[in-house]
């Protein structure tokens, strides 16, 4: 993708709760080392075959077993994390 390009449509794919590495506040939630996608690849010891997601940048975002990063992608990619725990001051 090049800067200055215009688009008629943009699709956003969100894979909620997939887990792609621990967040900065993982120690507060006892989730240090969290990495659902990475652990799935390690557990099954197989090459993950997700060609569409690979072309969209998944292999560039996270070193997943058997999925290499690509220079020429068909999408922009990124990783999001929560900015709020969802707990009020009374619950935390």
C-alpha atoms as a PDB file:
ATOM      1  CA  UNK A   1       0.000   0.000   0.000  1.00  0.00           C
ATOM      2  CA  UNK A   2       1.277   3.434  -0.819  1.00  0.00           C
ATOM      3  CA  UNK A   3       0.714   6.752   0.922  1.00  0.00           C
ATOM      4  CA  UNK A   4      -1.723   9.017  -0.816  1.00  0.00           C
ATOM      5  CA  UNK A   5      -3.783   6.148  -2.215  1.00  0.00           C
ATOM      6  CA  UNK A   6      -7.537   6.545  -1.979  1.00  0.00           C
ATOM      7  CA  UNK A   7      -9.980   3.734  -1.377  1.00  0.00           C
ATOM      8  CA  UNK A   8     -13.659   3.257  -2.051  1.00  0.00           C
ATOM      9  CA  UNK A   9     -13.978   0.709   0.758  1.00  0.00           C
ATOM     10  CA  UNK A  10     -11.951  -0.365   3.735  1.00  0.00           C
ATOM     11  CA  UNK A  11     -12.533  -3.625   5.579  1.00  0.00           C
ATOM     12  CA  UNK A  12     -11.342  -4.063   9.145  1.00  0.00           C
ATOM     13  CA  UNK A  13     -10.818  -7.609  10.414  1.00  0.00           C
ATOM     14  CA  UNK A  14     -10.707  -7.955  14.186  1.00  0.00           C
ATOM     15  CA  UNK A  15      -9.941 -11.348  15.681  1.00  0.00           C
ATOM     16  CA  UNK A  16     -11.020 -10.679  19.250  1.00  0.00           C
ATOM     17  CA  UNK A  17      -9.421 -12.736  22.030  1.00  0.00           C
ATOM     18  CA  UNK A  18      -6.959 -14.455  19.691  1.00  0.00           C
ATOM     19  CA  UNK A  19      -3.964 -13.417  21.756  1.00  0.00           C
ATOM     20  CA  UNK A  20      -0.839 -12.345  19.933  1.00  0.00           C
ATOM     21  CA  UNK A  21       1.686 -11.856  22.721  1.00  0.00           C
ATOM     22  CA  UNK A  22       1.343 -10.328  26.164  1.00  0.00           C
ATOM     23  CA  UNK A  23       0.214  -6.733  26.617  1.00  0.00           C
ATOM     24  CA  UNK A  24       2.187  -4.134  28.554  1.00  0.00           C
ATOM     25  CA  UNK A  25      -0.033  -4.624  31.624  1.00  0.00           C
ATOM     26  CA  UNK A  26       0.027  -8.450  31.524  1.00  0.00           C
ATOM     27  CA  UNK A  27       1.604  -8.693  34.969  1.00  0.00           C
ATOM     28  CA  UNK A  28      -1.470  -7.018  36.513  1.00  0.00           C
ATOM     29  CA  UNK A  29      -3.691  -9.795  35.166  1.00  0.00           C
ATOM     30  CA  UNK A  30      -1.411 -12.796  35.686  1.00  0.00           C
ATOM     31  CA  UNK A  31      -1.028 -13.223  31.934  1.00  0.00           C
ATOM     32  CA  UNK A  32       2.717 -12.834  31.393  1.00  0.00           C
ATOM     33  CA  UNK A  33       3.724 -15.009  28.452  1.00  0.00           C
ATOM     34  CA  UNK A  34       0.224 -14.908  26.965  1.00  0.00           C
ATOM     35  CA  UNK A  35       0.351 -15.765  23.276  1.00  0.00           C
ATOM     36  CA  UNK A  36      -2.555 -17.938  22.156  1.00  0.00           C
ATOM     37  CA  UNK A  37      -1.641 -17.933  18.473  1.00  0.00           C
ATOM     38  CA  UNK A  38       2.041 -18.629  19.079  1.00  0.00           C
ATOM     39  CA  UNK A  39       1.278 -21.409  21.572  1.00  0.00           C
ATOM     40  CA  UNK A  40      -1.124 -23.074  19.120  1.00  0.00           C
ATOM     41  CA  UNK A  41       1.650 -23.209  16.539  1.00  0.00           C
ATOM     42  CA  UNK A  42       4.101 -24.619  19.079  1.00  0.00           C
ATOM     43  CA  UNK A  43       1.640 -27.165  20.498  1.00  0.00           C
ATOM     44  CA  UNK A  44       0.579 -28.679  17.199  1.00  0.00           C
ATOM     45  CA  UNK A  45       4.093 -28.393  15.724  1.00  0.00           C
ATOM     46  CA  UNK A  46       2.671 -27.913  12.264  1.00  0.00           C
ATOM     47  CA  UNK A  47       3.050 -25.203   9.723  1.00  0.00           C
ATOM     48  CA  UNK A  48       0.103 -22.887  10.205  1.00  0.00           C
ATOM     49  CA  UNK A  49      -1.547 -22.512   6.834  1.00  0.00           C
ATOM     50  CA  UNK A  50      -3.393 -19.225   6.872  1.00  0.00           C
ATOM     51  CA  UNK A  51      -2.461 -17.848   3.435  1.00  0.00           C
ATOM     52  CA  UNK A  52      -4.993 -15.027   3.361  1.00  0.00           C
ATOM     53  CA  UNK A  53      -3.993 -13.765   6.806  1.00  0.00           C
ATOM     54  CA  UNK A  54      -0.327 -14.155   5.856  1.00  0.00           C
ATOM     55  CA  UNK A  55      -0.886 -11.915   2.800  1.00  0.00           C
ATOM     56  CA  UNK A  56      -2.589  -9.438   5.132  1.00  0.00           C
ATOM     57  CA  UNK A  57       0.487  -9.263   7.398  1.00  0.00           C
ATOM     58  CA  UNK A  58      -0.069 -11.836  10.161  1.00  0.00           C
ATOM     59  CA  UNK A  59       3.404 -13.329   9.683  1.00  0.00           C
ATOM     60  CA  UNK A  60       4.880  -9.817   9.841  1.00  0.00           C
ATOM     61  CA  UNK A  61       3.030  -9.030  13.059  1.00  0.00           C
ATOM     62  CA  UNK A  62       4.058 -12.138  14.958  1.00  0.00           C
ATOM     63  CA  UNK A  63       6.681 -14.847  14.364  1.00  0.00           C
ATOM     64  CA  UNK A  64       4.323 -17.806  14.021  1.00  0.00           C
ATOM     65  CA  UNK A  65       5.639 -21.318  13.484  1.00  0.00           C
ATOM     66  CA  UNK A  66       5.983 -21.941   9.755  1.00  0.00           C
ATOM     67  CA  UNK A  67       4.570 -18.601   8.643  1.00  0.00           C
ATOM     68  CA  UNK A  68       7.139 -16.232   7.225  1.00  0.00           C
ATOM     69  CA  UNK A  69       6.838 -12.481   6.949  1.00  0.00           C
ATOM     70  CA  UNK A  70       6.227 -11.020   3.502  1.00  0.00           C
ATOM     71  CA  UNK A  71       7.497  -7.825   1.904  1.00  0.00           C
ATOM     72  CA  UNK A  72       4.615  -7.408  -0.537  1.00  0.00           C
ATOM     73  CA  UNK A  73       1.323  -7.396   1.358  1.00  0.00           C
ATOM     74  CA  UNK A  74      -2.295  -7.071   0.285  1.00  0.00           C
ATOM     75  CA  UNK A  75      -3.292  -5.061   3.362  1.00  0.00           C
ATOM     76  CA  UNK A  76      -2.165  -2.854   6.195  1.00  0.00           C
ATOM     77  CA  UNK A  77      -1.893  -4.597   9.560  1.00  0.00           C
ATOM     78  CA  UNK A  78      -1.627  -3.730  13.214  1.00  0.00           C
ATOM     79  CA  UNK A  79      -2.196  -4.911  16.731  1.00  0.00           C
ATOM     80  CA  UNK A  80      -4.601  -3.378  19.228  1.00  0.00           C
ATOM     81  CA  UNK A  81      -4.787  -3.587  22.979  1.00  0.00           C
ATOM     82  CA  UNK A  82      -7.318  -2.344  25.496  1.00  0.00           C
ATOM     83  CA  UNK A  83      -6.924   1.080  27.023  1.00  0.00           C
ATOM     84  CA  UNK A  84      -9.302   0.245  29.870  1.00  0.00           C
ATOM     85  CA  UNK A  85      -9.756  -2.825  32.031  1.00  0.00           C
ATOM     86  CA  UNK A  86     -13.483  -2.230  32.103  1.00  0.00           C
ATOM     87  CA  UNK A  87     -13.428  -2.231  35.911  1.00  0.00           C
ATOM     88  CA  UNK A  88     -14.665   0.702  37.932  1.00  0.00           C
ATOM     89  CA  UNK A  89     -12.596   2.022  40.837  1.00  0.00           C
ATOM     90  CA  UNK A  90     -14.787   0.023  43.231  1.00  0.00           C
ATOM     91  CA  UNK A  91     -14.050  -3.298  41.462  1.00  0.00           C
ATOM     92  CA  UNK A  92     -10.289  -2.971  40.998  1.00  0.00           C
END
